[in-house]
Amino acid sequence: MAHYQQLSDQLIAPHLGEPRSFFYDPTTKQLRKEYVQYPADPARGLSGADDITEKTDQLAAQLHLEQRHHR
């Protein structure tokens, strides 16, 4: 998440006062090349967080079963 914060701080925050065309090319109707990857990065991070949550839940369930088995 620190990486995404750094991207925002460096790429977006300094240019918030700029017109929309600074980030978005109205001719191609696409984000400019410097910004095209930015929307995908947080999504990848969230996907990774979901994976970690799922694995943590699985590990907790396994530990709980083992703990019950050893009582």
PDB file of N, CA and C in Angstrom:
ATOM      1  N   MET A   1       0.823  -1.195   0.000  1.00  0.00           N
ATOM      2  CA  MET A   1       0.000   0.000   0.000  1.00  0.00           C
ATOM      3  C   MET A   1       0.868   1.261   0.000  1.00  0.00           C
ATOM      4  N   ALA A   2       2.042   1.160   0.621  1.00  0.00           N
ATOM      5  CA  ALA A   2       2.941   2.320   0.623  1.00  0.00           C
ATOM      6  C   ALA A   2       3.356   2.681  -0.800  1.00  0.00           C
ATOM      7  N   HIS A   3       3.530   1.658  -1.641  1.00  0.00           N
ATOM      8  CA  HIS A   3       3.897   1.895  -3.034  1.00  0.00           C
ATOM      9  C   HIS A   3       2.803   2.694  -3.742  1.00  0.00           C
ATOM     10  N   TYR A   4       1.542   2.343  -3.524  1.00  0.00           N
ATOM     11  CA  TYR A   4       0.434   3.036  -4.165  1.00  0.00           C
ATOM     12  C   TYR A   4       0.300   4.461  -3.642  1.00  0.00           C
ATOM     13  N   GLN A   5       0.574   4.645  -2.368  1.00  0.00           N
ATOM     14  CA  GLN A   5       0.554   5.993  -1.805  1.00  0.00           C
ATOM     15  C   GLN A   5       1.644   6.841  -2.450  1.00  0.00           C
ATOM     16  N   GLN A   6       2.820   6.241  -2.629  1.00  0.00           N
ATOM     17  CA  GLN A   6       3.924   6.957  -3.262  1.00  0.00           C
ATOM     18  C   GLN A   6       3.565   7.334  -4.703  1.00  0.00           C
ATOM     19  N   LEU A   7       2.925   6.415  -5.434  1.00  0.00           N
ATOM     20  CA  LEU A   7       2.489   6.728  -6.798  1.00  0.00           C
ATOM     21  C   LEU A   7       1.535   7.909  -6.806  1.00  0.00           C
ATOM     22  N   SER A   8       0.576   7.895  -5.890  1.00  0.00           N
ATOM     23  CA  SER A   8      -0.377   9.007  -5.808  1.00  0.00           C
ATOM     24  C   SER A   8       0.333  10.305  -5.484  1.00  0.00           C
ATOM     25  N   ASP A   9       1.248  10.238  -4.529  1.00  0.00           N
ATOM     26  CA  ASP A   9       1.964  11.442  -4.115  1.00  0.00           C
ATOM     27  C   ASP A   9       2.805  12.022  -5.253  1.00  0.00           C
ATOM     28  N   GLN A  10       3.389  11.144  -6.069  1.00  0.00           N
ATOM     29  CA  GLN A  10       4.282  11.606  -7.130  1.00  0.00           C
ATOM     30  C   GLN A  10       3.562  11.903  -8.443  1.00  0.00           C
ATOM     31  N   LEU A  11       2.545  11.122  -8.785  1.00  0.00           N
ATOM     32  CA  LEU A  11       1.928  11.260 -10.099  1.00  0.00           C
ATOM     33  C   LEU A  11       0.643  12.071 -10.118  1.00  0.00           C
ATOM     34  N   ILE A  12      -0.132  11.967  -9.077  1.00  0.00           N
ATOM     35  CA  ILE A  12      -1.455  12.581  -9.127  1.00  0.00           C
ATOM     36  C   ILE A  12      -1.545  13.849  -8.286  1.00  0.00           C
ATOM     37  N   ALA A  13      -1.191  13.763  -7.032  1.00  0.00           N
ATOM     38  CA  ALA A  13      -1.358  14.895  -6.118  1.00  0.00           C
ATOM     39  C   ALA A  13      -0.737  16.197  -6.636  1.00  0.00           C
ATOM     40  N   PRO A  14       0.477  16.172  -7.188  1.00  0.00           N
ATOM     41  CA  PRO A  14       1.059  17.444  -7.650  1.00  0.00           C
ATOM     42  C   PRO A  14       0.298  18.090  -8.817  1.00  0.00           C
ATOM     43  N   HIS A  15      -0.567  17.321  -9.478  1.00  0.00           N
ATOM     44  CA  HIS A  15      -1.238  17.829 -10.673  1.00  0.00           C
ATOM     45  C   HIS A  15      -2.757  17.912 -10.529  1.00  0.00           C
ATOM     46  N   LEU A  16      -3.247  17.905  -9.310  1.00  0.00           N
ATOM     47  CA  LEU A  16      -4.696  17.923  -9.105  1.00  0.00           C
ATOM     48  C   LEU A  16      -5.372  19.172  -9.654  1.00  0.00           C
ATOM     49  N   GLY A  17      -4.663  20.248  -9.732  1.00  0.00           N
ATOM     50  CA  GLY A  17      -5.237  21.482 -10.256  1.00  0.00           C
ATOM     51  C   GLY A  17      -5.232  21.564 -11.776  1.00  0.00           C
ATOM     52  N   GLU A  18      -4.613  20.607 -12.419  1.00  0.00           N
ATOM     53  CA  GLU A  18      -4.521  20.610 -13.880  1.00  0.00           C
ATOM     54  C   GLU A  18      -5.870  20.247 -14.501  1.00  0.00           C
ATOM     55  N   PRO A  19      -6.081  20.643 -15.752  1.00  0.00           N
ATOM     56  CA  PRO A  19      -7.313  20.229 -16.430  1.00  0.00           C
ATOM     57  C   PRO A  19      -7.292  18.719 -16.691  1.00  0.00           C
ATOM     58  N   ARG A  20      -8.452  18.197 -16.957  1.00  0.00           N
ATOM     59  CA  ARG A  20      -8.610  16.762 -17.189  1.00  0.00           C
ATOM     60  C   ARG A  20      -7.678  16.251 -18.294  1.00  0.00           C
ATOM     61  N   SER A  21      -7.436  17.078 -19.298  1.00  0.00           N
ATOM     62  CA  SER A  21      -6.597  16.680 -20.426  1.00  0.00           C
ATOM     63  C   SER A  21      -5.150  16.403 -20.015  1.00  0.00           C
ATOM     64  N   PHE A  22      -4.755  16.829 -18.826  1.00  0.00           N
ATOM     65  CA  PHE A  22      -3.409  16.534 -18.339  1.00  0.00           C
ATOM     66  C   PHE A  22      -3.239  15.027 -18.154  1.00  0.00           C
ATOM     67  N   PHE A  23      -4.277  14.346 -17.688  1.00  0.00           N
ATOM     68  CA  PHE A  23      -4.234  12.906 -17.442  1.00  0.00           C
ATOM     69  C   PHE A  23      -4.837  12.100 -18.595  1.00  0.00           C
ATOM     70  N   TYR A  24      -5.778  12.709 -19.302  1.00  0.00           N
ATOM     71  CA  TYR A  24      -6.621  12.002 -20.255  1.00  0.00           C
ATOM     72  C   TYR A  24      -6.523  12.658 -21.618  1.00  0.00           C
ATOM     73  N   ASP A  25      -6.183  11.894 -22.636  1.00  0.00           N
ATOM     74  CA  ASP A  25      -6.080  12.422 -23.988  1.00  0.00           C
ATOM     75  C   ASP A  25      -7.465  12.404 -24.640  1.00  0.00           C
ATOM     76  N   PRO A  26      -8.073  13.568 -24.866  1.00  0.00           N
ATOM     77  CA  PRO A  26      -9.424  13.587 -25.430  1.00  0.00           C
ATOM     78  C   PRO A  26      -9.483  13.040 -26.855  1.00  0.00           C
ATOM     79  N   THR A  27      -8.378  13.066 -27.570  1.00  0.00           N
ATOM     80  CA  THR A  27      -8.361  12.560 -28.939  1.00  0.00           C
ATOM     81  C   THR A  27      -8.477  11.039 -28.964  1.00  0.00           C
ATOM     82  N   THR A  28      -7.676  10.378 -28.145  1.00  0.00           N
ATOM     83  CA  THR A  28      -7.689   8.902 -28.114  1.00  0.00           C
ATOM     84  C   THR A  28      -8.693   8.355 -27.108  1.00  0.00           C
ATOM     85  N   LYS A  29      -9.185   9.247 -26.236  1.00  0.00           N
ATOM     86  CA  LYS A  29     -10.100   8.849 -25.159  1.00  0.00           C
ATOM     87  C   LYS A  29      -9.469   7.795 -24.249  1.00  0.00           C
ATOM     88  N   GLN A  30      -8.180   7.959 -24.011  1.00  0.00           N
ATOM     89  CA  GLN A  30      -7.413   7.056 -23.148  1.00  0.00           C
ATOM     90  C   GLN A  30      -6.599   7.883 -22.158  1.00  0.00           C
ATOM     91  N   LEU A  31      -6.242   7.234 -21.054  1.00  0.00           N
ATOM     92  CA  LEU A  31      -5.303   7.882 -20.140  1.00  0.00           C
ATOM     93  C   LEU A  31      -3.975   8.050 -20.862  1.00  0.00           C
ATOM     94  N   ARG A  32      -3.273   9.081 -20.528  1.00  0.00           N
ATOM     95  CA  ARG A  32      -1.941   9.275 -21.108  1.00  0.00           C
ATOM     96  C   ARG A  32      -1.019   8.162 -20.600  1.00  0.00           C
ATOM     97  N   LYS A  33       0.029   7.865 -21.382  1.00  0.00           N
ATOM     98  CA  LYS A  33       0.877   6.699 -21.098  1.00  0.00           C
ATOM     99  C   LYS A  33       1.479   6.721 -19.694  1.00  0.00           C
ATOM    100  N   GLU A  34       1.750   7.896 -19.149  1.00  0.00           N
ATOM    101  CA  GLU A  34       2.330   7.969 -17.800  1.00  0.00           C
ATOM    102  C   GLU A  34       1.359   7.480 -16.728  1.00  0.00           C
ATOM    103  N   TYR A  35       0.064   7.520 -17.039  1.00  0.00           N
ATOM    104  CA  TYR A  35      -0.955   7.219 -16.038  1.00  0.00           C
ATOM    105  C   TYR A  35      -1.749   5.950 -16.331  1.00  0.00           C
ATOM    106  N   VAL A  36      -1.501   5.324 -17.451  1.00  0.00           N
ATOM    107  CA  VAL A  36      -2.335   4.203 -17.878  1.00  0.00           C
ATOM    108  C   VAL A  36      -2.271   3.020 -16.912  1.00  0.00           C
ATOM    109  N   GLN A  37      -1.150   2.789 -16.282  1.00  0.00           N
ATOM    110  CA  GLN A  37      -1.019   1.648 -15.380  1.00  0.00           C
ATOM    111  C   GLN A  37      -1.580   1.939 -13.997  1.00  0.00           C
ATOM    112  N   TYR A  38      -1.704   3.192 -13.663  1.00  0.00           N
ATOM    113  CA  TYR A  38      -2.106   3.559 -12.305  1.00  0.00           C
ATOM    114  C   TYR A  38      -3.425   2.940 -11.846  1.00  0.00           C
ATOM    115  N   PRO A  39      -4.513   2.973 -12.631  1.00  0.00           N
ATOM    116  CA  PRO A  39      -5.767   2.370 -12.145  1.00  0.00           C
ATOM    117  C   PRO A  39      -5.659   0.868 -11.893  1.00  0.00           C
ATOM    118  N   ALA A  40      -4.809   0.176 -12.627  1.00  0.00           N
ATOM    119  CA  ALA A  40      -4.666  -1.270 -12.450  1.00  0.00           C
ATOM    120  C   ALA A  40      -3.854  -1.611 -11.204  1.00  0.00           C
ATOM    121  N   ASP A  41      -2.921  -0.766 -10.811  1.00  0.00           N
ATOM    122  CA  ASP A  41      -2.068  -1.067  -9.658  1.00  0.00           C
ATOM    123  C   ASP A  41      -2.858  -1.272  -8.370  1.00  0.00           C
ATOM    124  N   PRO A  42      -3.750  -0.365  -7.999  1.00  0.00           N
ATOM    125  CA  PRO A  42      -4.520  -0.606  -6.771  1.00  0.00           C
ATOM    126  C   PRO A  42      -5.370  -1.871  -6.855  1.00  0.00           C
ATOM    127  N   ALA A  43      -5.891  -2.165  -8.021  1.00  0.00           N
ATOM    128  CA  ALA A  43      -6.692  -3.389  -8.174  1.00  0.00           C
ATOM    129  C   ALA A  43      -5.836  -4.623  -7.917  1.00  0.00           C
ATOM    130  N   ARG A  44      -4.606  -4.601  -8.424  1.00  0.00           N
ATOM    131  CA  ARG A  44      -3.695  -5.726  -8.164  1.00  0.00           C
ATOM    132  C   ARG A  44      -3.385  -5.819  -6.672  1.00  0.00           C
ATOM    133  N   GLY A  45      -3.218  -4.675  -6.046  1.00  0.00           N
ATOM    134  CA  GLY A  45      -2.952  -4.679  -4.608  1.00  0.00           C
ATOM    135  C   GLY A  45      -4.109  -5.244  -3.814  1.00  0.00           C
ATOM    136  N   LEU A  46      -5.320  -4.883  -4.193  1.00  0.00           N
ATOM    137  CA  LEU A  46      -6.497  -5.410  -3.505  1.00  0.00           C
ATOM    138  C   LEU A  46      -6.627  -6.907  -3.718  1.00  0.00           C
ATOM    139  N   SER A  47      -6.317  -7.366  -4.914  1.00  0.00           N
ATOM    140  CA  SER A  47      -6.361  -8.796  -5.200  1.00  0.00           C
ATOM    141  C   SER A  47      -5.359  -9.518  -4.299  1.00  0.00           C
ATOM    142  N   GLY A  48      -4.189  -8.955  -4.156  1.00  0.00           N
ATOM    143  CA  GLY A  48      -3.183  -9.548  -3.273  1.00  0.00           C
ATOM    144  C   GLY A  48      -3.643  -9.555  -1.832  1.00  0.00           C
ATOM    145  N   ALA A  49      -4.312  -8.497  -1.411  1.00  0.00           N
ATOM    146  CA  ALA A  49      -4.836  -8.439  -0.044  1.00  0.00           C
ATOM    147  C   ALA A  49      -5.904  -9.500   0.166  1.00  0.00           C
ATOM    148  N   ASP A  50      -6.738  -9.709  -0.846  1.00  0.00           N
ATOM    149  CA  ASP A  50      -7.755 -10.762  -0.753  1.00  0.00           C
ATOM    150  C   ASP A  50      -7.105 -12.130  -0.615  1.00  0.00           C
ATOM    151  N   ASP A  51      -6.028 -12.358  -1.376  1.00  0.00           N
ATOM    152  CA  ASP A  51      -5.301 -13.631  -1.286  1.00  0.00           C
ATOM    153  C   ASP A  51      -4.734 -13.834   0.116  1.00  0.00           C
ATOM    154  N   ILE A  52      -4.161 -12.793   0.664  1.00  0.00           N
ATOM    155  CA  ILE A  52      -3.575 -12.882   2.012  1.00  0.00           C
ATOM    156  C   ILE A  52      -4.675 -13.168   3.033  1.00  0.00           C
ATOM    157  N   THR A  53      -5.806 -12.485   2.908  1.00  0.00           N
ATOM    158  CA  THR A  53      -6.918 -12.707   3.830  1.00  0.00           C
ATOM    159  C   THR A  53      -7.406 -14.143   3.754  1.00  0.00           C
ATOM    160  N   GLU A  54      -7.563 -14.653   2.546  1.00  0.00           N
ATOM    161  CA  GLU A  54      -8.026 -16.035   2.365  1.00  0.00           C
ATOM    162  C   GLU A  54      -7.043 -17.024   2.976  1.00  0.00           C
ATOM    163  N   LYS A  55      -5.766 -16.827   2.711  1.00  0.00           N
ATOM    164  CA  LYS A  55      -4.752 -17.743   3.255  1.00  0.00           C
ATOM    165  C   LYS A  55      -4.683 -17.647   4.781  1.00  0.00           C
ATOM    166  N   THR A  56      -4.843 -16.445   5.320  1.00  0.00           N
ATOM    167  CA  THR A  56      -4.839 -16.267   6.765  1.00  0.00           C
ATOM    168  C   THR A  56      -6.036 -16.977   7.394  1.00  0.00           C
ATOM    169  N   ASP A  57      -7.193 -16.855   6.764  1.00  0.00           N
ATOM    170  CA  ASP A  57      -8.384 -17.539   7.259  1.00  0.00           C
ATOM    171  C   ASP A  57      -8.205 -19.051   7.223  1.00  0.00           C
ATOM    172  N   GLN A  58      -7.611 -19.563   6.148  1.00  0.00           N
ATOM    173  CA  GLN A  58      -7.365 -21.006   6.039  1.00  0.00           C
ATOM    174  C   GLN A  58      -6.395 -21.469   7.124  1.00  0.00           C
ATOM    175  N   LEU A  59      -5.345 -20.712   7.345  1.00  0.00           N
ATOM    176  CA  LEU A  59      -4.357 -21.060   8.364  1.00  0.00           C
ATOM    177  C   LEU A  59      -4.991 -21.028   9.754  1.00  0.00           C
ATOM    178  N   ALA A  60      -5.801 -20.029  10.033  1.00  0.00           N
ATOM    179  CA  ALA A  60      -6.466 -19.931  11.334  1.00  0.00           C
ATOM    180  C   ALA A  60      -7.391 -21.130  11.554  1.00  0.00           C
ATOM    181  N   ALA A  61      -8.108 -21.527  10.523  1.00  0.00           N
ATOM    182  CA  ALA A  61      -8.996 -22.688  10.640  1.00  0.00           C
ATOM    183  C   ALA A  61      -8.191 -23.957  10.890  1.00  0.00           C
ATOM    184  N   GLN A  62      -7.092 -24.102  10.185  1.00  0.00           N
ATOM    185  CA  GLN A  62      -6.236 -25.279  10.370  1.00  0.00           C
ATOM    186  C   GLN A  62      -5.646 -25.307  11.776  1.00  0.00           C
ATOM    187  N   LEU A  63      -5.178 -24.172  12.258  1.00  0.00           N
ATOM    188  CA  LEU A  63      -4.624 -24.106  13.611  1.00  0.00           C
ATOM    189  C   LEU A  63      -5.693 -24.421  14.651  1.00  0.00           C
ATOM    190  N   HIS A  64      -6.897 -23.941  14.434  1.00  0.00           N
ATOM    191  CA  HIS A  64      -7.994 -24.202  15.347  1.00  0.00           C
ATOM    192  C   HIS A  64      -8.285 -25.703  15.412  1.00  0.00           C
ATOM    193  N   LEU A  65      -8.311 -26.363  14.258  1.00  0.00           N
ATOM    194  CA  LEU A  65      -8.544 -27.811  14.221  1.00  0.00           C
ATOM    195  C   LEU A  65      -7.432 -28.564  14.926  1.00  0.00           C
ATOM    196  N   GLU A  66      -6.197 -28.186  14.692  1.00  0.00           N
ATOM    197  CA  GLU A  66      -5.072 -28.845  15.346  1.00  0.00           C
ATOM    198  C   GLU A  66      -5.108 -28.624  16.860  1.00  0.00           C
ATOM    199  N   GLN A  67      -5.470 -27.423  17.251  1.00  0.00           N
ATOM    200  CA  GLN A  67      -5.562 -27.122  18.680  1.00  0.00           C
ATOM    201  C   GLN A  67      -6.635 -27.995  19.329  1.00  0.00           C
ATOM    202  N   ARG A  68      -7.773 -28.148  18.693  1.00  0.00           N
ATOM    203  CA  ARG A  68      -8.841 -28.992  19.214  1.00  0.00           C
ATOM    204  C   ARG A  68      -8.411 -30.464  19.276  1.00  0.00           C
ATOM    205  N   HIS A  69      -7.633 -30.884  18.309  1.00  0.00           N
ATOM    206  CA  HIS A  69      -7.164 -32.275  18.237  1.00  0.00           C
ATOM    207  C   HIS A  69      -6.205 -32.605  19.394  1.00  0.00           C
ATOM    208  N   HIS A  70      -5.414 -31.621  19.815  1.00  0.00           N
ATOM    209  CA  HIS A  70      -4.413 -31.841  20.858  1.00  0.00           C
ATOM    210  C   HIS A  70      -4.944 -31.585  22.268  1.00  0.00           C
ATOM    211  N   ARG A  71      -6.199 -31.290  22.423  1.00  0.00           N
ATOM    212  CA  ARG A  71      -6.750 -31.053  23.769  1.00  0.00           C
ATOM    213  C   ARG A  71      -7.131 -32.340  24.410  1.00  0.00           C
TER     214      ARG A  71
END
